[in-house]
Structure formats: C-alpha cells, structure tokens
Amino acid sequence: MHVDSDCDPGLDIPLVALRNHLIIGFTERKVIEEEVVPMDGREALRTHLRAKLDGVPREILLQILKKDGCVYDFGLITAPGPTFDEALVDFDRMLDGFTTRTAEP
C-alpha cells in the first residue's frame, strides 16, 4: 500500500493527469476499470489496472483525491491474483475511513 499527499498549488490539474503521473514507468498497461467515486465529500478517481514494472506483472489500484488545495494518492500494487484480492479488503477499509481535517487555529 502506498499513501502520499502534496499541497503544491502546481498540482491543481485534472485527476486523470495526476493518475498518468503515478503510472510512469509501468509498461503494457491495461485498464480494468476506472470510475469517479465519492470520497470525503469530493470526487476521487479510482483506477484498477494491470501493467508491468521492469517486466514483472503487477495489479494496481489507484485512488486520487483533490481537496482543499491538496492531492492525496492511494495505491495498492501487488502480484496479480489472490495476493491483490486479499490486500484489497484492507486497502478499501483504509479508504473508507480516510478524512481530511483542517488545522485548528
């Protein structure tokens, strides 16, 4: 699992462009499913794909959220098959519980 955030104003670009940045270096990409899903009161881009990294097959699920000037990237990358399916349960549980909060004055 991968979680990252960045509050750089230069990242105010479409979710698809942010997704494309995350898959640089992967080859033989095949999108299984892509949809916009609700997340923490906003729309997030959820992309399930299969690709290769250095010739090694990988199954990938990315979810990207933009909120309050920040970008939040969530990624699950495993070997294809049962390993992915098992990890997906925990990954989705983490996503379901994710919220941002504003700093207290």
PDB file of N, CA and C in Angstrom:
ATOM      1  N   MET A   1       0.848  -1.173   0.000  1.00  0.00           N
ATOM      2  CA  MET A   1       0.000   0.000   0.000  1.00  0.00           C
ATOM      3  C   MET A   1       0.887   1.228   0.000  1.00  0.00           C
ATOM      4  N   HIS A   2       0.379   2.231  -0.678  1.00  0.00           N
ATOM      5  CA  HIS A   2       1.092   3.495  -0.779  1.00  0.00           C
ATOM      6  C   HIS A   2       0.108   4.619  -0.476  1.00  0.00           C
ATOM      7  N   VAL A   3       0.515   5.557   0.364  1.00  0.00           N
ATOM      8  CA  VAL A   3      -0.288   6.742   0.649  1.00  0.00           C
ATOM      9  C   VAL A   3       0.657   7.935   0.606  1.00  0.00           C
ATOM     10  N   ASP A   4       0.229   8.978  -0.090  1.00  0.00           N
ATOM     11  CA  ASP A   4       1.059  10.170  -0.188  1.00  0.00           C
ATOM     12  C   ASP A   4       0.140  11.379  -0.305  1.00  0.00           C
ATOM     13  N   SER A   5       0.627  12.515   0.117  1.00  0.00           N
ATOM     14  CA  SER A   5      -0.126  13.754  -0.057  1.00  0.00           C
ATOM     15  C   SER A   5       0.846  14.862  -0.411  1.00  0.00           C
ATOM     16  N   ASP A   6       0.321  15.864  -1.105  1.00  0.00           N
ATOM     17  CA  ASP A   6       1.130  17.007  -1.503  1.00  0.00           C
ATOM     18  C   ASP A   6       0.201  18.199  -1.627  1.00  0.00           C
ATOM     19  N   CYS A   7       0.589  19.310  -1.049  1.00  0.00           N
ATOM     20  CA  CYS A   7      -0.238  20.515  -1.089  1.00  0.00           C
ATOM     21  C   CYS A   7       0.410  21.593  -1.955  1.00  0.00           C
ATOM     22  N   ASP A   8       1.003  21.193  -3.059  1.00  0.00           N
ATOM     23  CA  ASP A   8       1.641  22.088  -4.015  1.00  0.00           C
ATOM     24  C   ASP A   8       0.576  22.686  -4.932  1.00  0.00           C
ATOM     25  N   PRO A   9       0.460  24.022  -5.005  1.00  0.00           N
ATOM     26  CA  PRO A   9      -0.545  24.631  -5.886  1.00  0.00           C
ATOM     27  C   PRO A   9      -0.369  24.239  -7.355  1.00  0.00           C
ATOM     28  N   GLY A  10       0.811  23.834  -7.759  1.00  0.00           N
ATOM     29  CA  GLY A  10       1.062  23.401  -9.126  1.00  0.00           C
ATOM     30  C   GLY A  10       0.386  22.091  -9.474  1.00  0.00           C
ATOM     31  N   LEU A  11      -0.144  21.405  -8.478  1.00  0.00           N
ATOM     32  CA  LEU A  11      -0.808  20.122  -8.719  1.00  0.00           C
ATOM     33  C   LEU A  11      -2.311  20.271  -8.942  1.00  0.00           C
ATOM     34  N   ASP A  12      -2.769  21.496  -9.146  1.00  0.00           N
ATOM     35  CA  ASP A  12      -4.192  21.705  -9.419  1.00  0.00           C
ATOM     36  C   ASP A  12      -4.457  21.411 -10.893  1.00  0.00           C
ATOM     37  N   ILE A  13      -4.353  20.137 -11.221  1.00  0.00           N
ATOM     38  CA  ILE A  13      -4.560  19.646 -12.581  1.00  0.00           C
ATOM     39  C   ILE A  13      -5.591  18.530 -12.525  1.00  0.00           C
ATOM     40  N   PRO A  14      -6.160  18.129 -13.663  1.00  0.00           N
ATOM     41  CA  PRO A  14      -7.200  17.085 -13.636  1.00  0.00           C
ATOM     42  C   PRO A  14      -6.724  15.774 -13.003  1.00  0.00           C
ATOM     43  N   LEU A  15      -7.666  15.065 -12.411  1.00  0.00           N
ATOM     44  CA  LEU A  15      -7.364  13.788 -11.768  1.00  0.00           C
ATOM     45  C   LEU A  15      -6.723  12.795 -12.728  1.00  0.00           C
ATOM     46  N   VAL A  16      -7.153  12.789 -13.984  1.00  0.00           N
ATOM     47  CA  VAL A  16      -6.581  11.855 -14.957  1.00  0.00           C
ATOM     48  C   VAL A  16      -5.095  12.168 -15.182  1.00  0.00           C
ATOM     49  N   ALA A  17      -4.736  13.439 -15.224  1.00  0.00           N
ATOM     50  CA  ALA A  17      -3.324  13.804 -15.389  1.00  0.00           C
ATOM     51  C   ALA A  17      -2.513  13.362 -14.174  1.00  0.00           C
ATOM     52  N   LEU A  18      -3.082  13.499 -12.991  1.00  0.00           N
ATOM     53  CA  LEU A  18      -2.392  13.038 -11.776  1.00  0.00           C
ATOM     54  C   LEU A  18      -2.212  11.519 -11.810  1.00  0.00           C
ATOM     55  N   ARG A  19      -3.233  10.800 -12.277  1.00  0.00           N
ATOM     56  CA  ARG A  19      -3.141   9.347 -12.404  1.00  0.00           C
ATOM     57  C   ARG A  19      -2.042   8.958 -13.377  1.00  0.00           C
ATOM     58  N   ASN A  20      -1.980   9.650 -14.514  1.00  0.00           N
ATOM     59  CA  ASN A  20      -0.957   9.346 -15.508  1.00  0.00           C
ATOM     60  C   ASN A  20       0.449   9.517 -14.946  1.00  0.00           C
ATOM     61  N   HIS A  21       0.616  10.499 -14.101  1.00  0.00           N
ATOM     62  CA  HIS A  21       1.922  10.717 -13.469  1.00  0.00           C
ATOM     63  C   HIS A  21       2.306   9.524 -12.580  1.00  0.00           C
ATOM     64  N   LEU A  22       1.318   8.945 -11.905  1.00  0.00           N
ATOM     65  CA  LEU A  22       1.594   7.826 -10.990  1.00  0.00           C
ATOM     66  C   LEU A  22       1.987   6.540 -11.714  1.00  0.00           C
ATOM     67  N   ILE A  23       1.609   6.408 -12.974  1.00  0.00           N
ATOM     68  CA  ILE A  23       1.900   5.149 -13.672  1.00  0.00           C
ATOM     69  C   ILE A  23       3.077   5.271 -14.651  1.00  0.00           C
ATOM     70  N   ILE A  24       3.807   6.373 -14.555  1.00  0.00           N
ATOM     71  CA  ILE A  24       5.028   6.495 -15.358  1.00  0.00           C
ATOM     72  C   ILE A  24       5.965   5.350 -14.969  1.00  0.00           C
ATOM     73  N   GLY A  25       6.544   4.715 -15.940  1.00  0.00           N
ATOM     74  CA  GLY A  25       7.464   3.603 -15.696  1.00  0.00           C
ATOM     75  C   GLY A  25       6.817   2.232 -15.835  1.00  0.00           C
ATOM     76  N   PHE A  26       5.495   2.186 -15.750  1.00  0.00           N
ATOM     77  CA  PHE A  26       4.793   0.925 -15.968  1.00  0.00           C
ATOM     78  C   PHE A  26       4.563   0.742 -17.464  1.00  0.00           C
ATOM     79  N   THR A  27       4.712  -0.482 -17.948  1.00  0.00           N
ATOM     80  CA  THR A  27       4.514  -0.774 -19.362  1.00  0.00           C
ATOM     81  C   THR A  27       3.364  -1.756 -19.529  1.00  0.00           C
ATOM     82  N   GLU A  28       2.949  -1.959 -20.759  1.00  0.00           N
ATOM     83  CA  GLU A  28       1.869  -2.892 -21.087  1.00  0.00           C
ATOM     84  C   GLU A  28       0.659  -2.680 -20.181  1.00  0.00           C
ATOM     85  N   ARG A  29       0.264  -1.435 -20.042  1.00  0.00           N
ATOM     86  CA  ARG A  29      -0.849  -1.067 -19.166  1.00  0.00           C
ATOM     87  C   ARG A  29      -2.192  -1.466 -19.770  1.00  0.00           C
ATOM     88  N   LYS A  30      -3.041  -2.040 -18.934  1.00  0.00           N
ATOM     89  CA  LYS A  30      -4.402  -2.380 -19.351  1.00  0.00           C
ATOM     90  C   LYS A  30      -5.351  -1.962 -18.229  1.00  0.00           C
ATOM     91  N   VAL A  31      -6.174  -0.975 -18.517  1.00  0.00           N
ATOM     92  CA  VAL A  31      -7.140  -0.509 -17.518  1.00  0.00           C
ATOM     93  C   VAL A  31      -8.283  -1.516 -17.433  1.00  0.00           C
ATOM     94  N   ILE A  32      -8.528  -2.008 -16.234  1.00  0.00           N
ATOM     95  CA  ILE A  32      -9.615  -2.948 -15.977  1.00  0.00           C
ATOM     96  C   ILE A  32     -10.906  -2.171 -15.735  1.00  0.00           C
ATOM     97  N   GLU A  33     -10.810  -1.148 -14.915  1.00  0.00           N
ATOM     98  CA  GLU A  33     -11.975  -0.334 -14.594  1.00  0.00           C
ATOM     99  C   GLU A  33     -11.496   1.029 -14.103  1.00  0.00           C
ATOM    100  N   GLU A  34     -12.243   2.055 -14.478  1.00  0.00           N
ATOM    101  CA  GLU A  34     -11.948   3.395 -13.983  1.00  0.00           C
ATOM    102  C   GLU A  34     -13.270   4.100 -13.740  1.00  0.00           C
ATOM    103  N   GLU A  35     -13.382   4.728 -12.575  1.00  0.00           N
ATOM    104  CA  GLU A  35     -14.623   5.409 -12.238  1.00  0.00           C
ATOM    105  C   GLU A  35     -14.351   6.539 -11.256  1.00  0.00           C
ATOM    106  N   VAL A  36     -15.272   7.466 -11.227  1.00  0.00           N
ATOM    107  CA  VAL A  36     -15.244   8.534 -10.237  1.00  0.00           C
ATOM    108  C   VAL A  36     -16.100   8.066  -9.067  1.00  0.00           C
ATOM    109  N   VAL A  37     -15.519   8.150  -7.863  1.00  0.00           N
ATOM    110  CA  VAL A  37     -16.216   7.667  -6.666  1.00  0.00           C
ATOM    111  C   VAL A  37     -16.239   8.769  -5.614  1.00  0.00           C
ATOM    112  N   PRO A  38     -17.241   8.769  -4.742  1.00  0.00           N
ATOM    113  CA  PRO A  38     -17.254   9.757  -3.662  1.00  0.00           C
ATOM    114  C   PRO A  38     -16.212   9.407  -2.601  1.00  0.00           C
ATOM    115  N   MET A  39     -15.540  10.440  -2.113  1.00  0.00           N
ATOM    116  CA  MET A  39     -14.551  10.235  -1.053  1.00  0.00           C
ATOM    117  C   MET A  39     -14.423  11.521  -0.246  1.00  0.00           C
ATOM    118  N   ASP A  40     -14.719  11.452   1.017  1.00  0.00           N
ATOM    119  CA  ASP A  40     -14.563  12.586   1.929  1.00  0.00           C
ATOM    120  C   ASP A  40     -15.222  13.854   1.383  1.00  0.00           C
ATOM    121  N   GLY A  41     -16.420  13.703   0.824  1.00  0.00           N
ATOM    122  CA  GLY A  41     -17.178  14.846   0.351  1.00  0.00           C
ATOM    123  C   GLY A  41     -16.773  15.382  -1.009  1.00  0.00           C
ATOM    124  N   ARG A  42     -15.911  14.695  -1.703  1.00  0.00           N
ATOM    125  CA  ARG A  42     -15.450  15.109  -3.040  1.00  0.00           C
ATOM    126  C   ARG A  42     -15.503  13.923  -3.988  1.00  0.00           C
ATOM    127  N   GLU A  43     -15.123  14.191  -5.247  1.00  0.00           N
ATOM    128  CA  GLU A  43     -14.976  13.118  -6.220  1.00  0.00           C
ATOM    129  C   GLU A  43     -13.522  12.677  -6.253  1.00  0.00           C
ATOM    130  N   ALA A  44     -13.313  11.378  -6.286  1.00  0.00           N
ATOM    131  CA  ALA A  44     -11.971  10.805  -6.397  1.00  0.00           C
ATOM    132  C   ALA A  44     -11.956   9.910  -7.629  1.00  0.00           C
ATOM    133  N   LEU A  45     -10.794   9.787  -8.234  1.00  0.00           N
ATOM    134  CA  LEU A  45     -10.641   8.910  -9.394  1.00  0.00           C
ATOM    135  C   LEU A  45     -10.074   7.583  -8.919  1.00  0.00           C
ATOM    136  N   ARG A  46     -10.790   6.503  -9.219  1.00  0.00           N
ATOM    137  CA  ARG A  46     -10.375   5.146  -8.832  1.00  0.00           C
ATOM    138  C   ARG A  46     -10.080   4.370 -10.107  1.00  0.00           C
ATOM    139  N   THR A  47      -8.852   3.880 -10.220  1.00  0.00           N
ATOM    140  CA  THR A  47      -8.409   3.183 -11.425  1.00  0.00           C
ATOM    141  C   THR A  47      -7.805   1.838 -11.052  1.00  0.00           C
ATOM    142  N   HIS A  48      -8.349   0.780 -11.635  1.00  0.00           N
ATOM    143  CA  HIS A  48      -7.833  -0.578 -11.457  1.00  0.00           C
ATOM    144  C   HIS A  48      -7.175  -0.959 -12.778  1.00  0.00           C
ATOM    145  N   LEU A  49      -5.911  -1.359 -12.741  1.00  0.00           N
ATOM    146  CA  LEU A  49      -5.219  -1.731 -13.967  1.00  0.00           C
ATOM    147  C   LEU A  49      -4.213  -2.837 -13.724  1.00  0.00           C
ATOM    148  N   ARG A  50      -3.804  -3.434 -14.816  1.00  0.00           N
ATOM    149  CA  ARG A  50      -2.700  -4.391 -14.799  1.00  0.00           C
ATOM    150  C   ARG A  50      -1.619  -3.812 -15.690  1.00  0.00           C
ATOM    151  N   ALA A  51      -0.370  -3.999 -15.277  1.00  0.00           N
ATOM    152  CA  ALA A  51       0.760  -3.467 -16.031  1.00  0.00           C
ATOM    153  C   ALA A  51       2.003  -4.241 -15.629  1.00  0.00           C
ATOM    154  N   LYS A  52       3.099  -3.883 -16.259  1.00  0.00           N
ATOM    155  CA  LYS A  52       4.381  -4.480 -15.885  1.00  0.00           C
ATOM    156  C   LYS A  52       5.317  -3.387 -15.409  1.00  0.00           C
ATOM    157  N   LEU A  53       6.137  -3.747 -14.435  1.00  0.00           N
ATOM    158  CA  LEU A  53       7.196  -2.876 -13.954  1.00  0.00           C
ATOM    159  C   LEU A  53       8.489  -3.664 -14.056  1.00  0.00           C
ATOM    160  N   ASP A  54       9.381  -3.191 -14.893  1.00  0.00           N
ATOM    161  CA  ASP A  54      10.630  -3.908 -15.173  1.00  0.00           C
ATOM    162  C   ASP A  54      10.344  -5.340 -15.627  1.00  0.00           C
ATOM    163  N   GLY A  55       9.276  -5.508 -16.391  1.00  0.00           N
ATOM    164  CA  GLY A  55       8.917  -6.815 -16.936  1.00  0.00           C
ATOM    165  C   GLY A  55       8.139  -7.707 -15.996  1.00  0.00           C
ATOM    166  N   VAL A  56       7.902  -7.261 -14.776  1.00  0.00           N
ATOM    167  CA  VAL A  56       7.196  -8.061 -13.770  1.00  0.00           C
ATOM    168  C   VAL A  56       5.722  -7.648 -13.738  1.00  0.00           C
ATOM    169  N   PRO A  57       4.791  -8.594 -13.930  1.00  0.00           N
ATOM    170  CA  PRO A  57       3.363  -8.254 -13.906  1.00  0.00           C
ATOM    171  C   PRO A  57       2.925  -7.740 -12.533  1.00  0.00           C
ATOM    172  N   ARG A  58       2.107  -6.695 -12.560  1.00  0.00           N
ATOM    173  CA  ARG A  58       1.578  -6.080 -11.340  1.00  0.00           C
ATOM    174  C   ARG A  58       0.098  -5.788 -11.523  1.00  0.00           C
ATOM    175  N   GLU A  59      -0.639  -5.906 -10.449  1.00  0.00           N
ATOM    176  CA  GLU A  59      -2.033  -5.470 -10.420  1.00  0.00           C
ATOM    177  C   GLU A  59      -2.072  -4.233  -9.546  1.00  0.00           C
ATOM    178  N   ILE A  60      -2.749  -3.209 -10.008  1.00  0.00           N
ATOM    179  CA  ILE A  60      -2.659  -1.886  -9.390  1.00  0.00           C
ATOM    180  C   ILE A  60      -4.053  -1.311  -9.188  1.00  0.00           C
ATOM    181  N   LEU A  61      -4.265  -0.730  -8.029  1.00  0.00           N
ATOM    182  CA  LEU A  61      -5.463   0.061  -7.797  1.00  0.00           C
ATOM    183  C   LEU A  61      -5.000   1.411  -7.269  1.00  0.00           C
ATOM    184  N   LEU A  62      -5.379   2.471  -7.970  1.00  0.00           N
ATOM    185  CA  LEU A  62      -5.032   3.831  -7.561  1.00  0.00           C
ATOM    186  C   LEU A  62      -6.311   4.585  -7.245  1.00  0.00           C
ATOM    187  N   GLN A  63      -6.264   5.391  -6.210  1.00  0.00           N
ATOM    188  CA  GLN A  63      -7.369   6.296  -5.926  1.00  0.00           C
ATOM    189  C   GLN A  63      -6.762   7.652  -5.608  1.00  0.00           C
ATOM    190  N   ILE A  64      -7.245   8.680  -6.306  1.00  0.00           N
ATOM    191  CA  ILE A  64      -6.671  10.014  -6.200  1.00  0.00           C
ATOM    192  C   ILE A  64      -7.777  10.988  -5.823  1.00  0.00           C
ATOM    193  N   LEU A  65      -7.492  11.788  -4.797  1.00  0.00           N
ATOM    194  CA  LEU A  65      -8.436  12.771  -4.281  1.00  0.00           C
ATOM    195  C   LEU A  65      -7.762  14.135  -4.269  1.00  0.00           C
ATOM    196  N   LYS A  66      -8.479  15.165  -4.729  1.00  0.00           N
ATOM    197  CA  LYS A  66      -8.036  16.551  -4.573  1.00  0.00           C
ATOM    198  C   LYS A  66      -9.014  17.231  -3.626  1.00  0.00           C
ATOM    199  N   LYS A  67      -8.473  17.856  -2.569  1.00  0.00           N
ATOM    200  CA  LYS A  67      -9.346  18.531  -1.613  1.00  0.00           C
ATOM    201  C   LYS A  67      -8.577  19.626  -0.894  1.00  0.00           C
ATOM    202  N   ASP A  68      -9.169  20.786  -0.815  1.00  0.00           N
ATOM    203  CA  ASP A  68      -8.615  21.915  -0.061  1.00  0.00           C
ATOM    204  C   ASP A  68      -7.179  22.235  -0.469  1.00  0.00           C
ATOM    205  N   GLY A  69      -6.912  22.195  -1.769  1.00  0.00           N
ATOM    206  CA  GLY A  69      -5.587  22.553  -2.271  1.00  0.00           C
ATOM    207  C   GLY A  69      -4.545  21.453  -2.166  1.00  0.00           C
ATOM    208  N   CYS A  70      -4.947  20.277  -1.766  1.00  0.00           N
ATOM    209  CA  CYS A  70      -4.001  19.164  -1.629  1.00  0.00           C
ATOM    210  C   CYS A  70      -4.429  17.996  -2.516  1.00  0.00           C
ATOM    211  N   VAL A  71      -3.455  17.160  -2.849  1.00  0.00           N
ATOM    212  CA  VAL A  71      -3.698  15.942  -3.606  1.00  0.00           C
ATOM    213  C   VAL A  71      -3.332  14.767  -2.711  1.00  0.00           C
ATOM    214  N   TYR A  72      -4.209  13.790  -2.652  1.00  0.00           N
ATOM    215  CA  TYR A  72      -3.985  12.579  -1.864  1.00  0.00           C
ATOM    216  C   TYR A  72      -3.968  11.396  -2.823  1.00  0.00           C
ATOM    217  N   ASP A  73      -2.856  10.666  -2.833  1.00  0.00           N
ATOM    218  CA  ASP A  73      -2.682   9.484  -3.690  1.00  0.00           C
ATOM    219  C   ASP A  73      -2.701   8.240  -2.816  1.00  0.00           C
ATOM    220  N   PHE A  74      -3.491   7.267  -3.217  1.00  0.00           N
ATOM    221  CA  PHE A  74      -3.554   5.980  -2.539  1.00  0.00           C
ATOM    222  C   PHE A  74      -3.284   4.913  -3.584  1.00  0.00           C
ATOM    223  N   GLY A  75      -2.419   3.980  -3.284  1.00  0.00           N
ATOM    224  CA  GLY A  75      -2.106   2.943  -4.253  1.00  0.00           C
ATOM    225  C   GLY A  75      -1.948   1.584  -3.610  1.00  0.00           C
ATOM    226  N   LEU A  76      -2.444   0.586  -4.310  1.00  0.00           N
ATOM    227  CA  LEU A  76      -2.251  -0.814  -3.941  1.00  0.00           C
ATOM    228  C   LEU A  76      -1.591  -1.478  -5.142  1.00  0.00           C
ATOM    229  N   ILE A  77      -0.404  -2.013  -4.954  1.00  0.00           N
ATOM    230  CA  ILE A  77       0.338  -2.650  -6.042  1.00  0.00           C
ATOM    231  C   ILE A  77       0.837  -3.996  -5.543  1.00  0.00           C
ATOM    232  N   THR A  78       0.417  -5.070  -6.239  1.00  0.00           N
ATOM    233  CA  THR A  78       0.801  -6.423  -5.837  1.00  0.00           C
ATOM    234  C   THR A  78       0.987  -7.285  -7.080  1.00  0.00           C
ATOM    235  N   ALA A  79       1.363  -8.522  -6.831  1.00  0.00           N
ATOM    236  CA  ALA A  79       1.303  -9.516  -7.902  1.00  0.00           C
ATOM    237  C   ALA A  79      -0.169  -9.721  -8.248  1.00  0.00           C
ATOM    238  N   PRO A  80      -0.486 -10.017  -9.504  1.00  0.00           N
ATOM    239  CA  PRO A  80      -1.883 -10.239  -9.871  1.00  0.00           C
ATOM    240  C   PRO A  80      -2.469 -11.467  -9.161  1.00  0.00           C
ATOM    241  N   GLY A  81      -3.792 -11.458  -8.998  1.00  0.00           N
ATOM    242  CA  GLY A  81      -4.474 -12.637  -8.477  1.00  0.00           C
ATOM    243  C   GLY A  81      -4.803 -12.564  -7.009  1.00  0.00           C
ATOM    244  N   PRO A  82      -4.679 -13.704  -6.311  1.00  0.00           N
ATOM    245  CA  PRO A  82      -5.118 -13.782  -4.917  1.00  0.00           C
ATOM    246  C   PRO A  82      -4.431 -12.772  -3.996  1.00  0.00           C
ATOM    247  N   THR A  83      -3.172 -12.472  -4.230  1.00  0.00           N
ATOM    248  CA  THR A  83      -2.464 -11.502  -3.385  1.00  0.00           C
ATOM    249  C   THR A  83      -3.165 -10.152  -3.437  1.00  0.00           C
ATOM    250  N   PHE A  84      -3.544  -9.743  -4.631  1.00  0.00           N
ATOM    251  CA  PHE A  84      -4.249  -8.474  -4.801  1.00  0.00           C
ATOM    252  C   PHE A  84      -5.606  -8.526  -4.109  1.00  0.00           C
ATOM    253  N   ASP A  85      -6.358  -9.572  -4.352  1.00  0.00           N
ATOM    254  CA  ASP A  85      -7.699  -9.697  -3.780  1.00  0.00           C
ATOM    255  C   ASP A  85      -7.667  -9.654  -2.256  1.00  0.00           C
ATOM    256  N   GLU A  86      -6.672 -10.291  -1.659  1.00  0.00           N
ATOM    257  CA  GLU A  86      -6.557 -10.304  -0.195  1.00  0.00           C
ATOM    258  C   GLU A  86      -6.216  -8.918   0.337  1.00  0.00           C
ATOM    259  N   ALA A  87      -5.302  -8.229  -0.316  1.00  0.00           N
ATOM    260  CA  ALA A  87      -4.882  -6.902   0.139  1.00  0.00           C
ATOM    261  C   ALA A  87      -5.972  -5.853  -0.095  1.00  0.00           C
ATOM    262  N   LEU A  88      -6.814  -6.080  -1.085  1.00  0.00           N
ATOM    263  CA  LEU A  88      -7.857  -5.118  -1.437  1.00  0.00           C
ATOM    264  C   LEU A  88      -8.815  -4.868  -0.282  1.00  0.00           C
ATOM    265  N   VAL A  89      -9.097  -5.880   0.510  1.00  0.00           N
ATOM    266  CA  VAL A  89     -10.010  -5.722   1.649  1.00  0.00           C
ATOM    267  C   VAL A  89      -9.467  -4.665   2.611  1.00  0.00           C
ATOM    268  N   ASP A  90      -8.205  -4.767   2.982  1.00  0.00           N
ATOM    269  CA  ASP A  90      -7.598  -3.799   3.897  1.00  0.00           C
ATOM    270  C   ASP A  90      -7.461  -2.426   3.247  1.00  0.00           C
ATOM    271  N   PHE A  91      -7.126  -2.397   1.970  1.00  0.00           N
ATOM    272  CA  PHE A  91      -6.975  -1.144   1.248  1.00  0.00           C
ATOM    273  C   PHE A  91      -8.310  -0.386   1.235  1.00  0.00           C
ATOM    274  N   ASP A  92      -9.386  -1.060   0.883  1.00  0.00           N
ATOM    275  CA  ASP A  92     -10.688  -0.402   0.853  1.00  0.00           C
ATOM    276  C   ASP A  92     -11.130   0.029   2.250  1.00  0.00           C
ATOM    277  N   ARG A  93     -10.789  -0.727   3.252  1.00  0.00           N
ATOM    278  CA  ARG A  93     -11.118  -0.341   4.631  1.00  0.00           C
ATOM    279  C   ARG A  93     -10.407   0.965   4.991  1.00  0.00           C
ATOM    280  N   MET A  94      -9.130   1.076   4.586  1.00  0.00           N
ATOM    281  CA  MET A  94      -8.381   2.300   4.845  1.00  0.00           C
ATOM    282  C   MET A  94      -9.029   3.479   4.112  1.00  0.00           C
ATOM    283  N   LEU A  95      -9.391   3.282   2.838  1.00  0.00           N
ATOM    284  CA  LEU A  95     -10.010   4.357   2.070  1.00  0.00           C
ATOM    285  C   LEU A  95     -11.337   4.783   2.678  1.00  0.00           C
ATOM    286  N   ASP A  96     -12.129   3.828   3.125  1.00  0.00           N
ATOM    287  CA  ASP A  96     -13.429   4.143   3.721  1.00  0.00           C
ATOM    288  C   ASP A  96     -13.288   5.006   4.974  1.00  0.00           C
ATOM    289  N   GLY A  97     -12.198   4.843   5.694  1.00  0.00           N
ATOM    290  CA  GLY A  97     -12.000   5.597   6.926  1.00  0.00           C
ATOM    291  C   GLY A  97     -11.234   6.892   6.753  1.00  0.00           C
ATOM    292  N   PHE A  98     -10.819   7.216   5.530  1.00  0.00           N
ATOM    293  CA  PHE A  98      -9.990   8.404   5.312  1.00  0.00           C
ATOM    294  C   PHE A  98     -10.822   9.679   5.328  1.00  0.00           C
ATOM    295  N   THR A  99     -10.352  10.646   6.080  1.00  0.00           N
ATOM    296  CA  THR A  99     -10.923  12.000   6.055  1.00  0.00           C
ATOM    297  C   THR A  99      -9.786  13.000   6.205  1.00  0.00           C
ATOM    298  N   THR A 100      -9.998  14.177   5.658  1.00  0.00           N
ATOM    299  CA  THR A 100      -9.048  15.266   5.883  1.00  0.00           C
ATOM    300  C   THR A 100      -9.606  16.108   7.016  1.00  0.00           C
ATOM    301  N   ARG A 101      -8.773  16.873   7.599  1.00  0.00           N
ATOM    302  CA  ARG A 101      -9.256  17.789   8.619  1.00  0.00           C
ATOM    303  C   ARG A 101      -8.483  19.085   8.489  1.00  0.00           C
ATOM    304  N   THR A 102      -9.128  20.149   8.815  1.00  0.00           N
ATOM    305  CA  THR A 102      -8.473  21.440   8.735  1.00  0.00           C
ATOM    306  C   THR A 102      -7.712  21.687  10.019  1.00  0.00           C
ATOM    307  N   ALA A 103      -6.653  22.461   9.902  1.00  0.00           N
ATOM    308  CA  ALA A 103      -5.822  22.766  11.077  1.00  0.00           C
ATOM    309  C   ALA A 103      -6.614  23.669  12.039  1.00  0.00           C
ATOM    310  N   GLU A 104      -6.456  23.404  13.296  1.00  0.00           N
ATOM    311  CA  GLU A 104      -7.096  24.232  14.335  1.00  0.00           C
ATOM    312  C   GLU A 104      -6.280  25.517  14.490  1.00  0.00           C
ATOM    313  N   PRO A 105      -6.959  26.666  14.652  1.00  0.00           N
ATOM    314  CA  PRO A 105      -6.221  27.937  14.844  1.00  0.00           C
ATOM    315  C   PRO A 105      -5.514  27.998  16.170  1.00  0.00           C
TER     316      PRO A 105
END
